[in-house]
Amino acid sequence: MVRLLLVDDQPLLLQGFSMILSTEPDLQVVGQVGDGQQALDAIEPLRPDVVLMDVQMPVLDGIEATRRIVADHPDVKVVILTTFDHDDYIFDALEAGASGFLLMNADPDDLVDAVRAAADGHALLSPEVTIRVLRRMARGDGAGDRPGGGTTGEEDGIPLPQLTGREREVLALMARGLSNAEIAAEAFVGEATVKTHVSNVLAKLGVRDRVQAVIAAYDSGLVLPEGRHGR
């Protein structure tokens, strides 16, 4: 059973999310709070596996609350769900350690999938969000602060020599927003094999989920947006 904490300053939205998620047999809403500080205070007593977090809230916003939750409770995953689709919010949320970013216009099934993916240690990053984040990264904004980022003395990004050829291929497909099943079909291997490769990629890159692995792929120059070819 995946334990969920819902965080939003609009009670009607909280009720709506709770209704959608509570109908799933493997999901349990254990709490609903109205701002980021209340979310921080609720982590210890409620012990959620996943926090569904809004961005703009009073007292403490969702980005800073995400940053603190991830730092203090690394086993708790955060999925951002907001009406605001500004690039800054998307990028800042991922930098803060969020395991996913969804807009309010997402289908209920996408919300459920995102929660389950986060609980499994992965991330559901929609292709449209992936493209927007990567376009901003291609402009070089905030490169030094991104997970998997930093400088190594190479002008074209961080190297990935620790990855095998197959793992680099899987990482490149992850960067295109493909699921494990889609990667398996593309690479002509079994889905269990893909899961193993994904786990190896995360471990070797020292990142916590698929989102940060994708960021590392673009930082390294393995994959480039706008149809350009990576290394």
Protein backbone atom coordinates (compact mmCIF):
# COMPACT_ATOMS: atom_id res chain seq x y z
CA MET A 1 0.00 0.00 0.00
CA VAL A 2 1.41 3.38 -1.06
CA ARG A 3 0.81 6.07 1.56
CA LEU A 4 0.07 9.53 0.15
CA LEU A 5 0.20 13.04 1.60
CA LEU A 6 -1.66 15.69 -0.42
CA VAL A 7 -0.51 19.31 -0.20
CA ASP A 8 -2.54 22.17 -1.68
CA ASP A 9 -4.04 25.38 -0.32
CA GLN A 10 -7.33 24.82 -2.15
CA PRO A 11 -9.61 22.43 -0.22
CA LEU A 12 -11.71 21.54 -3.26
CA LEU A 13 -8.63 20.39 -5.16
CA LEU A 14 -7.50 18.34 -2.18
CA GLN A 15 -10.87 16.62 -2.06
CA GLY A 16 -10.78 15.95 -5.79
CA PHE A 17 -7.29 14.43 -5.67
CA SER A 18 -8.26 12.35 -2.68
CA MET A 19 -11.33 10.96 -4.46
CA ILE A 20 -9.30 10.01 -7.54
CA LEU A 21 -6.46 8.38 -5.66
CA SER A 22 -8.49 6.68 -2.94
CA THR A 23 -10.35 4.59 -5.50
CA GLU A 24 -7.13 2.74 -6.30
CA PRO A 25 -6.71 -0.41 -4.17
CA ASP A 26 -2.96 0.09 -3.72
CA LEU A 27 -3.08 3.80 -2.77
CA GLN A 28 -4.00 5.27 0.62
CA VAL A 29 -4.37 8.99 1.31
CA VAL A 30 -3.06 9.40 4.86
CA GLY A 31 -3.21 13.19 5.07
CA GLN A 32 -4.22 16.48 3.46
CA VAL A 33 -2.54 19.80 4.36
CA GLY A 34 -2.66 23.34 3.05
CA ASP A 35 0.93 24.58 2.80
CA GLY A 36 4.55 23.49 2.63
CA GLN A 37 5.27 23.97 6.33
CA GLN A 38 2.32 21.78 7.27
CA ALA A 39 3.67 19.19 4.86
CA LEU A 40 7.06 19.22 6.62
CA ASP A 41 5.36 18.88 9.99
CA ALA A 42 3.25 15.96 8.74
CA ILE A 43 6.06 13.77 7.39
CA GLU A 44 7.11 12.22 10.70
CA PRO A 45 3.64 11.40 12.11
CA LEU A 46 2.05 10.30 8.83
CA ARG A 47 5.05 8.54 7.22
CA PRO A 48 3.94 9.01 3.58
CA ASP A 49 5.70 7.25 0.73
CA VAL A 50 4.75 9.94 -1.79
CA VAL A 51 3.86 13.61 -1.36
CA LEU A 52 1.68 15.24 -4.01
CA MET A 53 2.75 18.89 -3.84
CA ASP A 54 1.39 22.17 -5.18
CA VAL A 55 3.83 24.99 -5.99
CA GLN A 56 2.32 28.31 -4.94
CA MET A 57 1.11 28.16 -1.33
CA PRO A 58 1.22 30.43 1.72
CA VAL A 59 3.76 30.11 4.56
CA LEU A 60 6.13 27.85 2.58
CA ASP A 61 5.97 27.22 -1.17
CA GLY A 62 6.08 23.77 -2.72
CA ILE A 63 9.56 24.10 -4.21
CA GLU A 64 11.26 24.87 -0.89
CA ALA A 65 9.12 22.28 0.89
CA THR A 66 10.22 19.69 -1.68
CA ARG A 67 13.87 20.61 -1.19
CA ARG A 68 13.61 20.17 2.57
CA ILE A 69 11.63 16.93 2.40
CA VAL A 70 14.09 15.35 -0.02
CA ALA A 71 17.04 16.48 2.11
CA ASP A 72 15.62 15.31 5.44
CA HIS A 73 13.61 12.30 4.27
CA PRO A 74 15.29 10.79 1.18
CA ASP A 75 12.91 7.83 1.16
CA VAL A 76 9.91 10.12 0.63
CA LYS A 77 9.18 10.94 -3.01
CA VAL A 78 7.60 14.20 -4.14
CA VAL A 79 5.44 14.70 -7.23
CA ILE A 80 4.62 18.30 -8.17
CA LEU A 81 1.07 18.90 -9.40
CA THR A 82 0.23 22.49 -10.27
CA THR A 83 -1.74 24.80 -12.54
CA PHE A 84 1.43 26.82 -13.19
CA ASP A 85 3.45 25.61 -16.17
CA HIS A 86 6.24 28.19 -16.06
CA ASP A 87 9.60 26.76 -17.05
CA ASP A 88 11.13 28.14 -13.85
CA TYR A 89 8.75 26.09 -11.71
CA ILE A 90 9.44 22.91 -13.66
CA PHE A 91 13.18 23.32 -13.56
CA ASP A 92 13.33 24.42 -9.92
CA ALA A 93 11.12 21.53 -8.84
CA LEU A 94 13.37 18.97 -10.51
CA GLU A 95 16.47 20.62 -9.06
CA ALA A 96 14.82 20.44 -5.64
CA GLY A 97 14.53 16.68 -6.04
CA ALA A 98 10.96 16.16 -7.23
CA SER A 99 10.35 12.78 -8.83
CA GLY A 100 7.81 14.14 -11.29
CA PHE A 101 5.99 17.24 -12.50
CA LEU A 102 2.39 17.19 -13.71
CA LEU A 103 -0.02 19.93 -14.70
CA MET A 104 -3.58 20.10 -13.42
CA ASN A 105 -4.88 19.30 -16.90
CA ALA A 106 -3.29 15.84 -16.74
CA ASP A 107 -5.58 12.84 -17.01
CA PRO A 108 -6.46 11.08 -13.73
CA ASP A 109 -4.67 7.97 -15.05
CA ASP A 110 -1.48 10.03 -15.50
CA LEU A 111 -1.74 11.18 -11.89
CA VAL A 112 -2.10 7.62 -10.64
CA ASP A 113 0.78 6.45 -12.84
CA ALA A 114 3.01 9.26 -11.56
CA VAL A 115 2.32 8.35 -7.94
CA ARG A 116 3.03 4.68 -8.54
CA ALA A 117 6.19 5.44 -10.50
CA ALA A 118 7.48 7.70 -7.75
CA ALA A 119 6.71 5.08 -5.11
CA ASP A 120 8.73 2.55 -7.13
CA GLY A 121 11.71 4.90 -7.16
CA HIS A 122 11.19 6.06 -10.72
CA ALA A 123 9.61 9.14 -12.22
CA LEU A 124 6.88 9.92 -14.69
CA LEU A 125 8.02 12.95 -16.63
CA SER A 126 5.70 13.67 -19.52
CA PRO A 127 7.37 14.21 -22.92
CA GLU A 128 6.18 17.85 -23.08
CA VAL A 129 7.75 18.62 -19.71
CA THR A 130 10.94 16.76 -20.67
CA ILE A 131 11.29 18.80 -23.85
CA ARG A 132 10.81 22.11 -22.07
CA VAL A 133 13.35 21.28 -19.36
CA LEU A 134 15.88 20.08 -21.88
CA ARG A 135 15.49 23.11 -24.11
CA ARG A 136 16.28 25.31 -21.15
CA MET A 137 19.27 23.12 -20.28
CA ALA A 138 20.50 23.42 -23.87
CA ARG A 139 20.65 27.18 -23.35
CA GLY A 140 23.03 26.54 -20.45
CA ASP A 141 20.80 27.92 -17.67
CA GLY A 142 21.85 26.76 -14.20
CA ALA A 143 24.11 23.95 -15.42
CA GLY A 144 26.34 23.94 -12.38
CA ASP A 145 23.50 23.31 -9.92
CA ARG A 146 21.69 20.45 -11.61
CA PRO A 147 21.74 16.91 -10.26
CA GLY A 148 24.41 15.04 -12.18
CA GLY A 149 25.88 18.41 -13.21
CA GLY A 150 29.07 20.18 -12.28
CA THR A 151 32.27 20.77 -14.16
CA THR A 152 34.89 18.24 -15.18
CA GLY A 153 37.05 20.38 -17.42
CA GLU A 154 35.33 19.16 -20.58
CA GLU A 155 33.62 21.88 -22.57
CA ASP A 156 30.93 19.59 -23.96
CA GLY A 157 29.61 18.27 -20.62
CA ILE A 158 30.26 15.55 -18.08
CA PRO A 159 31.56 12.19 -19.38
CA LEU A 160 29.75 8.89 -18.98
CA PRO A 161 32.62 6.39 -19.31
CA GLN A 162 31.23 4.26 -16.49
CA LEU A 163 28.21 3.24 -18.58
CA THR A 164 28.26 0.30 -20.96
CA GLY A 165 27.13 0.74 -24.54
CA ARG A 166 23.74 -0.79 -23.78
CA GLU A 167 23.30 1.36 -20.69
CA ARG A 168 24.06 4.49 -22.72
CA GLU A 169 21.44 3.39 -25.24
CA VAL A 170 18.88 2.86 -22.48
CA LEU A 171 19.71 6.26 -20.97
CA ALA A 172 19.24 7.93 -24.35
CA LEU A 173 15.82 6.29 -24.70
CA MET A 174 14.91 7.36 -21.16
CA ALA A 175 15.80 10.92 -22.18
CA ARG A 176 13.18 10.68 -24.93
CA GLY A 177 10.56 10.01 -22.24
CA LEU A 178 10.06 6.33 -23.07
CA SER A 179 8.70 3.93 -20.46
CA ASN A 180 10.42 0.63 -19.65
CA ALA A 181 8.03 -1.24 -21.93
CA GLU A 182 8.68 1.19 -24.79
CA ILE A 183 12.44 0.96 -24.26
CA ALA A 184 12.19 -2.84 -24.35
CA ALA A 185 10.38 -2.69 -27.69
CA GLU A 186 12.85 -0.18 -29.13
CA ALA A 187 15.94 -2.06 -27.97
CA PHE A 188 14.54 -5.56 -28.69
CA VAL A 189 15.10 -6.83 -25.15
CA GLY A 190 12.84 -7.96 -22.33
CA GLU A 191 11.30 -5.47 -19.92
CA ALA A 192 13.05 -7.16 -16.99
CA THR A 193 16.37 -6.55 -18.74
CA VAL A 194 15.48 -2.89 -19.19
CA LYS A 195 14.69 -2.56 -15.49
CA THR A 196 18.13 -3.96 -14.70
CA HIS A 197 19.81 -1.52 -17.08
CA VAL A 198 17.84 1.41 -15.63
CA SER A 199 18.84 0.43 -12.09
CA ASN A 200 22.48 0.18 -13.16
CA VAL A 201 22.34 3.58 -14.85
CA LEU A 202 20.90 5.24 -11.74
CA ALA A 203 23.50 3.59 -9.51
CA LYS A 204 26.47 4.45 -11.75
CA LEU A 205 25.39 8.06 -12.21
CA GLY A 206 24.69 8.42 -8.50
CA VAL A 207 21.19 9.83 -9.08
CA ARG A 208 17.97 9.10 -7.24
CA ASP A 209 15.52 8.66 -10.12
CA ARG A 210 14.91 8.77 -13.88
CA VAL A 211 14.43 12.53 -13.93
CA GLN A 212 17.93 13.18 -12.65
CA ALA A 213 19.32 10.52 -14.99
CA VAL A 214 17.76 12.33 -17.94
CA ILE A 215 19.27 15.61 -16.76
CA ALA A 216 22.67 13.89 -16.57
CA ALA A 217 22.21 12.57 -20.11
CA TYR A 218 21.78 16.10 -21.45
CA ASP A 219 24.52 17.53 -19.24
CA SER A 220 26.91 14.94 -20.69
CA GLY A 221 26.02 15.67 -24.31
CA LEU A 222 24.83 12.07 -24.79
CA VAL A 223 21.52 13.45 -26.04
CA LEU A 224 20.81 16.89 -27.45
CA PRO A 225 17.45 18.56 -28.13
CA GLU A 226 16.16 20.07 -31.34
CA GLY A 227 17.15 17.09 -33.46
CA ARG A 228 20.90 17.49 -32.92
CA HIS A 229 23.00 14.38 -32.39
CA GLY A 230 24.63 13.55 -29.09
CA ARG A 231 27.89 11.80 -28.41
